[in-house]
Amino acid sequence: MTSSHTAASPPLPPGRSGLPAIGETISFLKDPDFANQRHKQYGNIFRTNLFGRSTVYVAGADAVRFLLLHENQYFVTSWPASTKALLGPAALSVQQGSVHQDRRKLLAQAFQPRALASYIPTIMSLTRSYLDRWEQTETLTWYPELRDYTLDVACQLLVGIPSGSQTAFGERFETWVQGLFSLPLPLPGTKFSRALRSRKLLLNDIDRIVRERQQQKDFGQDSLGLLINARDEDGNGLSVDELKDQVLTLLFAGHETLTSAIASFCLFMAQHPEVLLQIQAEQERFQNRDILTLEDLKQMEYLEQVLKEVLRVMPPVGGGFREVIQACEINGYRIPKGWSVLYQIGRTHQDSTVYPHPHQFDPERFDQNRSDKAQPFSYVPFGGGIRECLGKEFARLEMKIFAALLVQQYEWDLVPGQNLDFEMIPTPRPRDELKVHFRRRTSDRRKI
């Protein structure tokens, strides 16, 4: 695509459009180095064509800030057709404007500190049962186990289904997730087609659970109970149809991305035993607590730094799509109305002017006593602006509890010879799914 421009009309970003109709979608889905290669060639902003649309990639705090702070003025949230169809029209992620803001306030009631505190016993109980089982197994492929773990937590806390990963609900959920970022071809046998069918079955399951709950005097204290009870200023709640789409979105958010973040923590700790020793030292005062409190978790300052660095180095969400509703300029390039913009979290976190030696794993970057605080929008693992991840505190809570209980009692090392490169779509995960030797720590064996 060529563009004539004058001084008054900035040029389009550099880049290429790829094949007719599908553009570079196949490379985007299959090549983990897709964006890096193009950034090396073109810099922090380039154009391509994804899912049939002209798309501009942007990275860096200034561009991300402009994008996230101008929602509804220059941009609206946008998703690939497959994602949009599978999330559903009532999902918070696809809602716009005042509807999005109103619904967000309602859903936020499930993530207030009091609600989070009530989730701690369930998370701890499930974490301990998985840790016990892994100890018996000794050598395991960890990533699929972590998927089961986060799905069990999400199913228990969001819809009251125990051991969700081992149920038909869990199977349908996995099939649905696999289609979220696929080519939207509703032909028999495609990932998208299977995911559409699973979505229908999942909504039927959730519908039944919601209606059963509504018949009870007490809706329950899990997220679903809180959401059924939630009311806005005018006394309006969520309809059953809305609840179904919102619950499905929350299940996805509370499972897929958390699995990735926890797996990255487990891998990085095996690769950085000196960091692990420091976490273990901090955890000694929290050993043998039946239940950790929000205050206990707040005091785990070094663990907090480590988890922040995990999310900087390997953010579970690579970025976010926006649609341009009014032509604008970013970094001196013209972005036409109707195009898509994909802001990149991973590359933004690698800016060496903000994070010296960005490829090093260094939790000290996030020491609260350091004077060189990162600039706004240079650290965005949960997005930012009016669409910042609603479940951010829930994710941080589960990660912290998991990491604390794991490190207090257990140690692990990597099975040699496996491929530890990351596949990036739909969320980062080690290619060979993280094979480890797992055992209980003994008091006299402190080194990994």
Protein backbone atom coordinates (compact mmCIF):
# COMPACT_ATOMS: atom_id res chain seq x y z
CA MET A 1 0.00 0.00 0.00
CA THR A 2 1.46 3.34 -1.01
CA SER A 3 0.63 6.77 0.28
CA SER A 4 1.47 10.17 -1.04
CA HIS A 5 1.87 12.64 1.78
CA THR A 6 2.65 16.26 2.32
CA ALA A 7 4.10 18.02 5.33
CA ALA A 8 0.54 18.32 6.62
CA SER A 9 -0.15 14.62 6.14
CA PRO A 10 2.26 12.30 7.96
CA PRO A 11 3.21 9.03 6.25
CA LEU A 12 1.65 5.67 7.03
CA PRO A 13 3.80 3.43 9.24
CA PRO A 14 6.30 1.24 7.36
CA GLY A 15 5.45 -2.42 6.79
CA ARG A 16 3.77 -4.79 4.36
CA SER A 17 0.30 -6.19 3.79
CA GLY A 18 1.08 -9.82 2.86
CA LEU A 19 -1.31 -11.97 0.84
CA PRO A 20 -4.68 -10.75 -0.46
CA ALA A 21 -7.54 -11.10 2.07
CA ILE A 22 -5.65 -13.01 4.80
CA GLY A 23 -2.61 -10.72 4.86
CA GLU A 24 0.03 -12.05 7.28
CA THR A 25 -2.43 -13.81 9.60
CA ILE A 26 -0.89 -17.28 9.18
CA SER A 27 2.62 -16.01 9.98
CA PHE A 28 1.18 -14.12 12.97
CA LEU A 29 -0.45 -17.30 14.34
CA LYS A 30 2.45 -19.66 13.64
CA ASP A 31 5.68 -17.66 13.98
CA PRO A 32 6.59 -16.76 17.60
CA ASP A 33 9.10 -14.25 16.27
CA PHE A 34 6.59 -12.51 13.96
CA ALA A 35 6.59 -9.12 15.70
CA ASN A 36 10.27 -9.10 16.73
CA GLN A 37 11.48 -9.61 13.16
CA ARG A 38 9.38 -6.69 11.96
CA HIS A 39 10.31 -4.44 14.86
CA LYS A 40 13.98 -5.06 14.06
CA GLN A 41 13.28 -4.00 10.50
CA TYR A 42 10.89 -1.09 11.08
CA GLY A 43 11.22 0.11 14.70
CA ASN A 44 8.55 0.49 17.39
CA ILE A 45 5.67 0.99 14.97
CA PHE A 46 4.85 -0.95 11.80
CA ARG A 47 1.82 -2.00 9.77
CA THR A 48 0.66 -5.40 8.59
CA ASN A 49 -2.65 -7.09 7.74
CA LEU A 50 -4.21 -9.50 10.28
CA PHE A 51 -7.56 -11.26 10.16
CA GLY A 52 -8.44 -9.31 7.00
CA ARG A 53 -7.72 -5.84 8.45
CA SER A 54 -4.91 -3.32 8.11
CA THR A 55 -3.24 -3.44 11.52
CA VAL A 56 -0.61 -1.24 13.13
CA TYR A 57 1.68 -2.65 15.84
CA VAL A 58 2.80 -0.12 18.45
CA ALA A 59 5.12 -0.46 21.46
CA GLY A 60 6.68 1.85 24.03
CA ALA A 61 5.24 3.78 26.98
CA ASP A 62 4.29 6.93 25.00
CA ALA A 63 2.39 5.09 22.26
CA VAL A 64 0.69 2.73 24.76
CA ARG A 65 -0.30 5.67 26.96
CA PHE A 66 -1.83 7.54 24.01
CA LEU A 67 -3.76 4.45 22.98
CA LEU A 68 -5.08 3.51 26.43
CA LEU A 69 -6.02 7.04 27.48
CA HIS A 70 -7.97 7.89 24.31
CA GLU A 71 -10.58 5.15 24.40
CA ASN A 72 -13.86 6.32 22.78
CA GLN A 73 -12.09 9.39 21.33
CA TYR A 74 -9.72 7.87 18.76
CA PHE A 75 -10.06 4.17 19.60
CA VAL A 76 -12.55 1.55 20.71
CA THR A 77 -11.69 -1.93 21.88
CA SER A 78 -11.66 -4.46 19.10
CA TRP A 79 -11.10 -8.20 18.86
CA PRO A 80 -10.52 -10.64 15.99
CA ALA A 81 -13.83 -12.03 14.67
CA SER A 82 -13.23 -15.47 16.23
CA THR A 83 -12.57 -14.00 19.68
CA LYS A 84 -15.58 -11.68 19.51
CA ALA A 85 -17.94 -14.47 18.44
CA LEU A 86 -16.70 -16.85 21.15
CA LEU A 87 -16.67 -14.33 24.00
CA GLY A 88 -20.24 -13.29 23.18
CA PRO A 89 -22.00 -9.93 22.79
CA ALA A 90 -22.54 -9.35 26.53
CA ALA A 91 -18.91 -10.03 27.56
CA LEU A 92 -17.29 -7.05 29.31
CA SER A 93 -14.30 -7.25 26.96
CA VAL A 94 -16.40 -6.46 23.88
CA GLN A 95 -18.76 -3.89 25.42
CA GLN A 96 -18.25 -0.22 24.62
CA GLY A 97 -18.78 3.21 26.14
CA SER A 98 -21.18 3.75 29.04
CA VAL A 99 -22.49 0.14 28.91
CA HIS A 100 -18.94 -1.09 29.49
CA GLN A 101 -18.42 1.36 32.38
CA ASP A 102 -21.73 0.43 34.07
CA ARG A 103 -21.12 -3.31 33.75
CA ARG A 104 -17.55 -2.96 34.94
CA LYS A 105 -18.76 -1.35 38.19
CA LEU A 106 -21.18 -4.24 38.76
CA LEU A 107 -18.57 -6.93 38.08
CA ALA A 108 -15.99 -5.16 40.27
CA GLN A 109 -18.08 -6.14 43.29
CA ALA A 110 -16.68 -9.68 42.96
CA PHE A 111 -13.09 -8.34 43.30
CA GLN A 112 -13.31 -6.01 46.31
CA PRO A 113 -10.87 -6.73 49.19
CA ARG A 114 -13.59 -8.38 51.30
CA ALA A 115 -14.48 -10.72 48.42
CA LEU A 116 -10.79 -11.48 47.78
CA ALA A 117 -10.24 -12.34 51.45
CA SER A 118 -13.15 -14.78 51.30
CA TYR A 119 -11.50 -16.63 48.37
CA ILE A 120 -8.23 -17.32 50.26
CA PRO A 121 -9.26 -20.56 52.06
CA THR A 122 -10.46 -22.17 48.79
CA ILE A 123 -7.29 -21.17 46.91
CA MET A 124 -5.07 -22.47 49.73
CA SER A 125 -6.94 -25.74 50.03
CA LEU A 126 -6.76 -26.45 46.27
CA THR A 127 -3.09 -25.40 46.12
CA ARG A 128 -2.16 -27.78 48.94
CA SER A 129 -3.99 -30.73 47.40
CA TYR A 130 -2.18 -30.21 44.07
CA LEU A 131 1.22 -29.81 45.78
CA ASP A 132 0.63 -33.07 47.68
CA ARG A 133 -0.21 -34.88 44.47
CA TRP A 134 2.82 -33.55 42.64
CA GLU A 135 5.05 -34.68 45.50
CA GLN A 136 3.72 -38.24 45.05
CA THR A 137 4.24 -38.03 41.27
CA GLU A 138 7.90 -36.90 41.63
CA THR A 139 8.52 -36.32 37.91
CA LEU A 140 5.83 -34.47 36.00
CA THR A 141 4.96 -32.33 33.00
CA TRP A 142 3.94 -29.26 34.93
CA TYR A 143 2.11 -26.99 32.47
CA PRO A 144 -0.99 -29.17 31.92
CA GLU A 145 -1.13 -29.73 35.69
CA LEU A 146 -1.04 -25.97 36.28
CA ARG A 147 -3.86 -25.56 33.75
CA ASP A 148 -5.96 -28.03 35.74
CA TYR A 149 -5.08 -26.23 38.97
CA THR A 150 -6.09 -22.74 37.77
CA LEU A 151 -9.23 -24.12 36.12
CA ASP A 152 -10.21 -25.87 39.36
CA VAL A 153 -9.74 -22.61 41.30
CA ALA A 154 -11.72 -20.62 38.69
CA CYS A 155 -14.54 -23.18 38.48
CA GLN A 156 -14.83 -23.47 42.25
CA LEU A 157 -14.79 -19.71 42.93
CA LEU A 158 -16.73 -18.53 39.87
CA VAL A 159 -19.41 -21.16 39.40
CA GLY A 160 -19.13 -23.47 42.41
CA ILE A 161 -18.04 -26.52 40.38
CA PRO A 162 -15.52 -28.65 42.36
CA SER A 163 -12.65 -30.32 40.41
CA GLY A 164 -13.82 -28.52 37.26
CA SER A 165 -10.83 -29.71 35.21
CA GLN A 166 -12.00 -33.31 35.57
CA THR A 167 -15.60 -32.65 34.44
CA ALA A 168 -17.36 -32.37 31.08
CA PHE A 169 -17.53 -28.62 31.82
CA GLY A 170 -13.70 -28.52 31.97
CA GLU A 171 -13.36 -30.40 28.66
CA ARG A 172 -15.79 -28.06 26.92
CA PHE A 173 -13.97 -25.07 28.36
CA GLU A 174 -10.61 -26.26 26.94
CA THR A 175 -12.12 -26.76 23.48
CA TRP A 176 -13.67 -23.29 23.65
CA VAL A 177 -10.34 -21.68 24.64
CA GLN A 178 -8.52 -23.34 21.72
CA GLY A 179 -10.77 -21.54 19.22
CA LEU A 180 -10.51 -18.05 20.70
CA PHE A 181 -7.65 -16.95 18.44
CA SER A 182 -8.31 -19.07 15.36
CA LEU A 183 -9.42 -18.32 11.82
CA PRO A 184 -13.22 -17.81 12.06
CA LEU A 185 -14.15 -20.63 9.69
CA PRO A 186 -17.39 -22.27 10.88
CA LEU A 187 -16.68 -25.43 8.85
CA PRO A 188 -17.11 -28.86 10.50
CA GLY A 189 -13.91 -30.00 12.24
CA THR A 190 -12.22 -26.57 12.50
CA LYS A 191 -11.05 -25.27 15.89
CA PHE A 192 -13.53 -22.41 15.56
CA SER A 193 -16.46 -24.69 14.80
CA ARG A 194 -15.66 -26.98 17.75
CA ALA A 195 -15.27 -23.93 20.00
CA LEU A 196 -18.67 -22.52 18.93
CA ARG A 197 -20.34 -25.81 19.82
CA SER A 198 -18.53 -25.91 23.18
CA ARG A 199 -19.59 -22.31 23.91
CA LYS A 200 -23.23 -23.29 23.44
CA LEU A 201 -22.87 -26.25 25.83
CA LEU A 202 -20.99 -24.13 28.40
CA LEU A 203 -23.69 -21.46 28.33
CA ASN A 204 -26.31 -24.17 28.92
CA ASP A 205 -24.30 -25.40 31.93
CA ILE A 206 -23.88 -21.87 33.34
CA ASP A 207 -27.57 -21.11 32.69
CA ARG A 208 -28.57 -24.13 34.76
CA ILE A 209 -26.18 -23.20 37.59
CA VAL A 210 -27.37 -19.56 37.67
CA ARG A 211 -31.05 -20.51 37.73
CA GLU A 212 -30.45 -23.07 40.50
CA ARG A 213 -28.65 -20.39 42.53
CA GLN A 214 -31.44 -17.89 42.00
CA GLN A 215 -33.90 -20.35 43.54
CA GLN A 216 -31.86 -20.46 46.75
CA LYS A 217 -32.33 -18.03 49.63
CA ASP A 218 -28.58 -17.56 49.91
CA PHE A 219 -26.83 -16.99 46.56
CA GLY A 220 -23.48 -18.03 48.04
CA GLN A 221 -20.25 -16.11 48.70
CA ASP A 222 -18.32 -17.15 45.59
CA SER A 223 -18.03 -14.76 42.63
CA LEU A 224 -21.23 -16.02 41.05
CA GLY A 225 -23.21 -15.37 44.25
CA LEU A 226 -21.78 -11.86 44.44
CA LEU A 227 -22.56 -11.19 40.75
CA ILE A 228 -26.17 -12.44 41.05
CA ASN A 229 -26.54 -10.09 44.02
CA ALA A 230 -24.73 -7.12 42.42
CA ARG A 231 -26.82 -3.99 41.79
CA ASP A 232 -25.99 -0.60 40.25
CA GLU A 233 -27.07 2.79 41.64
CA ASP A 234 -30.54 2.35 40.12
CA GLY A 235 -30.98 -1.10 41.64
CA ASN A 236 -30.50 -2.96 38.33
CA GLY A 237 -28.60 -6.27 38.21
CA LEU A 238 -27.22 -8.49 35.46
CA SER A 239 -29.68 -10.51 33.37
CA VAL A 240 -29.15 -14.28 33.13
CA ASP A 241 -27.93 -13.92 29.51
CA GLU A 242 -25.43 -11.26 30.53
CA LEU A 243 -24.28 -13.27 33.52
CA LYS A 244 -23.55 -16.24 31.25
CA ASP A 245 -21.25 -14.28 28.91
CA GLN A 246 -19.58 -12.45 31.81
CA VAL A 247 -18.92 -15.68 33.75
CA LEU A 248 -17.38 -17.29 30.66
CA THR A 249 -15.09 -14.28 30.18
CA LEU A 250 -14.08 -14.31 33.85
CA LEU A 251 -13.33 -18.04 33.65
CA PHE A 252 -11.04 -17.38 30.69
CA ALA A 253 -9.35 -14.42 32.38
CA GLY A 254 -8.94 -16.35 35.65
CA HIS A 255 -7.47 -19.42 34.01
CA GLU A 256 -5.56 -19.02 30.76
CA THR A 257 -3.43 -16.02 31.69
CA LEU A 258 -2.83 -17.18 35.27
CA THR A 259 -1.58 -20.58 34.08
CA SER A 260 0.96 -18.80 31.90
CA ALA A 261 2.11 -16.46 34.68
CA ILE A 262 2.48 -19.25 37.25
CA ALA A 263 4.33 -21.51 34.79
CA SER A 264 6.75 -18.65 34.02
CA PHE A 265 7.36 -18.17 37.76
CA CYS A 266 8.09 -21.90 38.18
CA LEU A 267 10.51 -21.91 35.23
CA PHE A 268 12.33 -18.71 36.20
CA MET A 269 12.80 -19.88 39.79
CA ALA A 270 14.40 -23.12 38.56
CA GLN A 271 16.73 -20.97 36.42
CA HIS A 272 17.50 -18.43 39.19
CA PRO A 273 18.17 -20.37 42.42
CA GLU A 274 19.65 -17.26 44.06
CA VAL A 275 16.27 -15.50 43.74
CA LEU A 276 14.47 -18.58 45.04
CA LEU A 277 16.71 -18.67 48.14
CA GLN A 278 15.74 -15.08 48.93
CA ILE A 279 12.03 -15.90 48.61
CA GLN A 280 12.50 -18.93 50.88
CA ALA A 281 14.21 -16.75 53.49
CA GLU A 282 11.32 -14.26 53.43
CA GLN A 283 8.76 -17.08 53.64
CA GLU A 284 10.19 -18.57 56.84
CA ARG A 285 8.04 -16.30 59.02
CA PHE A 286 4.88 -17.40 57.19
CA GLN A 287 5.53 -21.15 57.48
CA ASN A 288 2.81 -23.39 58.90
CA ARG A 289 0.02 -20.79 58.80
CA ASP A 290 -3.32 -22.53 58.35
CA ILE A 291 -4.68 -19.50 56.53
CA LEU A 292 -2.72 -16.57 55.13
CA THR A 293 -4.39 -13.18 55.47
CA LEU A 294 -4.38 -10.26 53.03
CA GLU A 295 -2.04 -8.53 55.52
CA ASP A 296 0.38 -11.52 55.45
CA LEU A 297 0.40 -11.41 51.66
CA LYS A 298 1.05 -7.67 51.67
CA GLN A 299 4.13 -8.23 53.84
CA MET A 300 5.70 -10.62 51.29
CA GLU A 301 7.52 -7.71 49.66
CA TYR A 302 10.34 -9.59 47.97
CA LEU A 303 7.93 -12.16 46.53
CA GLU A 304 5.88 -9.23 45.21
CA GLN A 305 8.98 -7.89 43.41
CA VAL A 306 9.69 -11.32 41.92
CA LEU A 307 6.14 -11.73 40.62
CA LYS A 308 6.23 -8.24 39.11
CA GLU A 309 9.46 -9.12 37.32
CA VAL A 310 7.93 -12.40 36.07
CA LEU A 311 5.07 -10.39 34.53
CA ARG A 312 7.52 -7.89 33.04
CA VAL A 313 9.74 -10.50 31.40
CA MET A 314 6.92 -12.79 30.20
CA PRO A 315 3.57 -10.97 30.33
CA PRO A 316 0.75 -13.52 29.90
CA VAL A 317 -1.16 -11.17 27.60
CA GLY A 318 0.90 -10.06 24.62
CA GLY A 319 -1.15 -6.95 23.88
CA GLY A 320 -4.58 -5.70 22.94
CA PHE A 321 -6.48 -4.78 19.79
CA ARG A 322 -8.16 -1.42 19.24
CA GLU A 323 -10.12 -0.09 16.26
CA VAL A 324 -9.42 3.44 15.04
CA ILE A 325 -12.67 5.46 15.05
CA GLN A 326 -11.00 8.76 14.20
CA ALA A 327 -7.79 9.17 12.21
CA CYS A 328 -4.87 10.15 14.43
CA GLU A 329 -1.10 10.31 14.58
CA ILE A 330 1.21 8.10 16.65
CA ASN A 331 5.00 8.62 16.75
CA GLY A 332 4.80 10.79 13.61
CA TYR A 333 2.80 8.26 11.55
CA ARG A 334 -0.76 8.58 10.29
CA ILE A 335 -3.22 5.93 11.48
CA PRO A 336 -6.33 5.93 9.26
CA LYS A 337 -9.88 5.49 10.55
CA GLY A 338 -11.10 1.89 10.29
CA TRP A 339 -7.65 0.33 10.86
CA SER A 340 -6.76 -1.89 13.84
CA VAL A 341 -4.02 -1.08 16.31
CA LEU A 342 -2.31 -3.79 18.37
CA TYR A 343 -0.40 -2.44 21.36
CA GLN A 344 2.43 -4.66 22.54
CA ILE A 345 2.99 -5.29 26.20
CA GLY A 346 6.05 -7.56 25.90
CA ARG A 347 8.07 -5.17 23.77
CA THR A 348 7.05 -2.19 25.92
CA HIS A 349 8.47 -4.07 28.92
CA GLN A 350 11.80 -4.51 27.11
CA ASP A 351 12.56 -0.80 26.72
CA SER A 352 16.20 -0.45 27.83
CA THR A 353 15.76 3.26 28.58
CA VAL A 354 13.25 2.28 31.29
CA TYR A 355 14.63 -1.15 32.26
CA PRO A 356 18.44 -1.36 32.03
CA HIS A 357 19.53 -4.81 30.76
CA PRO A 358 15.87 -5.68 30.00
CA HIS A 359 16.57 -9.35 29.24
CA GLN A 360 18.03 -9.97 32.70
CA PHE A 361 15.72 -11.34 35.39
CA ASP A 362 16.14 -8.75 38.15
CA PRO A 363 13.42 -8.43 40.82
CA GLU A 364 15.38 -5.57 42.47
CA ARG A 365 14.00 -3.29 39.71
CA PHE A 366 10.75 -3.23 41.65
CA ASP A 367 12.23 -2.44 45.07
CA GLN A 368 9.96 0.27 46.49
CA ASN A 369 12.97 2.12 47.92
CA ARG A 370 14.55 2.70 44.51
CA SER A 371 14.29 6.25 43.27
CA ASP A 372 14.15 5.41 39.54
CA LYS A 373 10.45 4.57 39.44
CA ALA A 374 9.29 3.37 36.02
CA GLN A 375 7.39 5.90 33.96
CA PRO A 376 3.61 5.47 33.61
CA PHE A 377 2.52 2.91 30.98
CA SER A 378 6.00 1.36 30.74
CA TYR A 379 4.69 -1.56 32.88
CA VAL A 380 1.29 -2.75 31.69
CA PRO A 381 0.87 -6.53 32.27
CA PHE A 382 -2.80 -5.87 33.12
CA GLY A 383 -3.35 -3.18 30.47
CA GLY A 384 -4.35 0.28 31.65
CA GLY A 385 -6.86 3.09 31.38
CA ILE A 386 -10.58 2.36 31.61
CA ARG A 387 -10.01 -1.22 30.44
CA GLU A 388 -7.36 -2.25 32.92
CA CYS A 389 -7.89 -5.92 33.83
CA LEU A 390 -10.79 -6.09 36.27
CA GLY A 391 -9.49 -9.29 37.90
CA LYS A 392 -5.97 -7.93 38.41
CA GLU A 393 -6.07 -8.22 42.22
CA PHE A 394 -7.57 -11.72 42.02
CA ALA A 395 -4.74 -12.80 39.69
CA ARG A 396 -2.10 -11.32 42.00
CA LEU A 397 -3.75 -13.00 45.01
CA GLU A 398 -3.75 -16.46 43.43
CA MET A 399 -0.20 -16.13 42.10
CA LYS A 400 1.09 -15.04 45.49
CA ILE A 401 -0.65 -17.78 47.47
CA PHE A 402 0.50 -20.43 44.99
CA ALA A 403 4.10 -19.16 45.00
CA ALA A 404 4.24 -18.84 48.81
CA LEU A 405 2.94 -22.36 49.53
CA LEU A 406 5.10 -23.87 46.79
CA VAL A 407 8.32 -22.24 47.95
CA GLN A 408 7.73 -22.86 51.67
CA GLN A 409 7.53 -26.63 51.34
CA TYR A 410 8.87 -27.83 47.98
CA GLU A 411 11.74 -27.72 45.53
CA TRP A 412 12.03 -28.70 41.90
CA ASP A 413 14.51 -28.84 39.06
CA LEU A 414 14.20 -29.04 35.31
CA VAL A 415 14.37 -32.37 33.47
CA PRO A 416 17.41 -32.03 31.16
CA GLY A 417 17.11 -31.91 27.36
CA GLN A 418 13.67 -30.29 27.07
CA ASN A 419 12.78 -27.33 24.84
CA LEU A 420 12.19 -24.31 27.10
CA ASP A 421 11.48 -21.85 24.28
CA PHE A 422 8.07 -20.22 24.61
CA GLU A 423 5.12 -20.63 22.30
CA MET A 424 3.28 -17.30 22.46
CA ILE A 425 -0.31 -17.88 21.29
CA PRO A 426 -2.82 -17.82 22.88
CA THR A 427 -0.62 -17.22 25.97
CA PRO A 428 3.10 -17.91 26.54
CA ARG A 429 4.04 -21.43 27.57
CA PRO A 430 7.24 -23.51 27.40
CA ARG A 431 7.20 -25.59 24.21
CA ASP A 432 7.77 -28.93 26.00
CA GLU A 433 5.33 -27.90 28.75
CA LEU A 434 7.86 -27.72 31.60
CA LYS A 435 9.04 -31.13 32.77
CA VAL A 436 10.35 -31.15 36.35
CA HIS A 437 11.51 -33.35 39.22
CA PHE A 438 9.41 -32.30 42.20
CA ARG A 439 9.97 -33.07 45.89
CA ARG A 440 9.37 -31.81 49.41
CA ARG A 441 12.12 -29.65 50.87
CA THR A 442 14.08 -31.09 53.75
CA SER A 443 15.27 -28.76 56.51
CA ASP A 444 18.94 -29.48 55.82
CA ARG A 445 18.70 -29.25 52.03
CA ARG A 446 18.20 -25.62 51.13
CA LYS A 447 19.79 -25.49 47.71
CA ILE A 448 18.21 -26.36 44.42
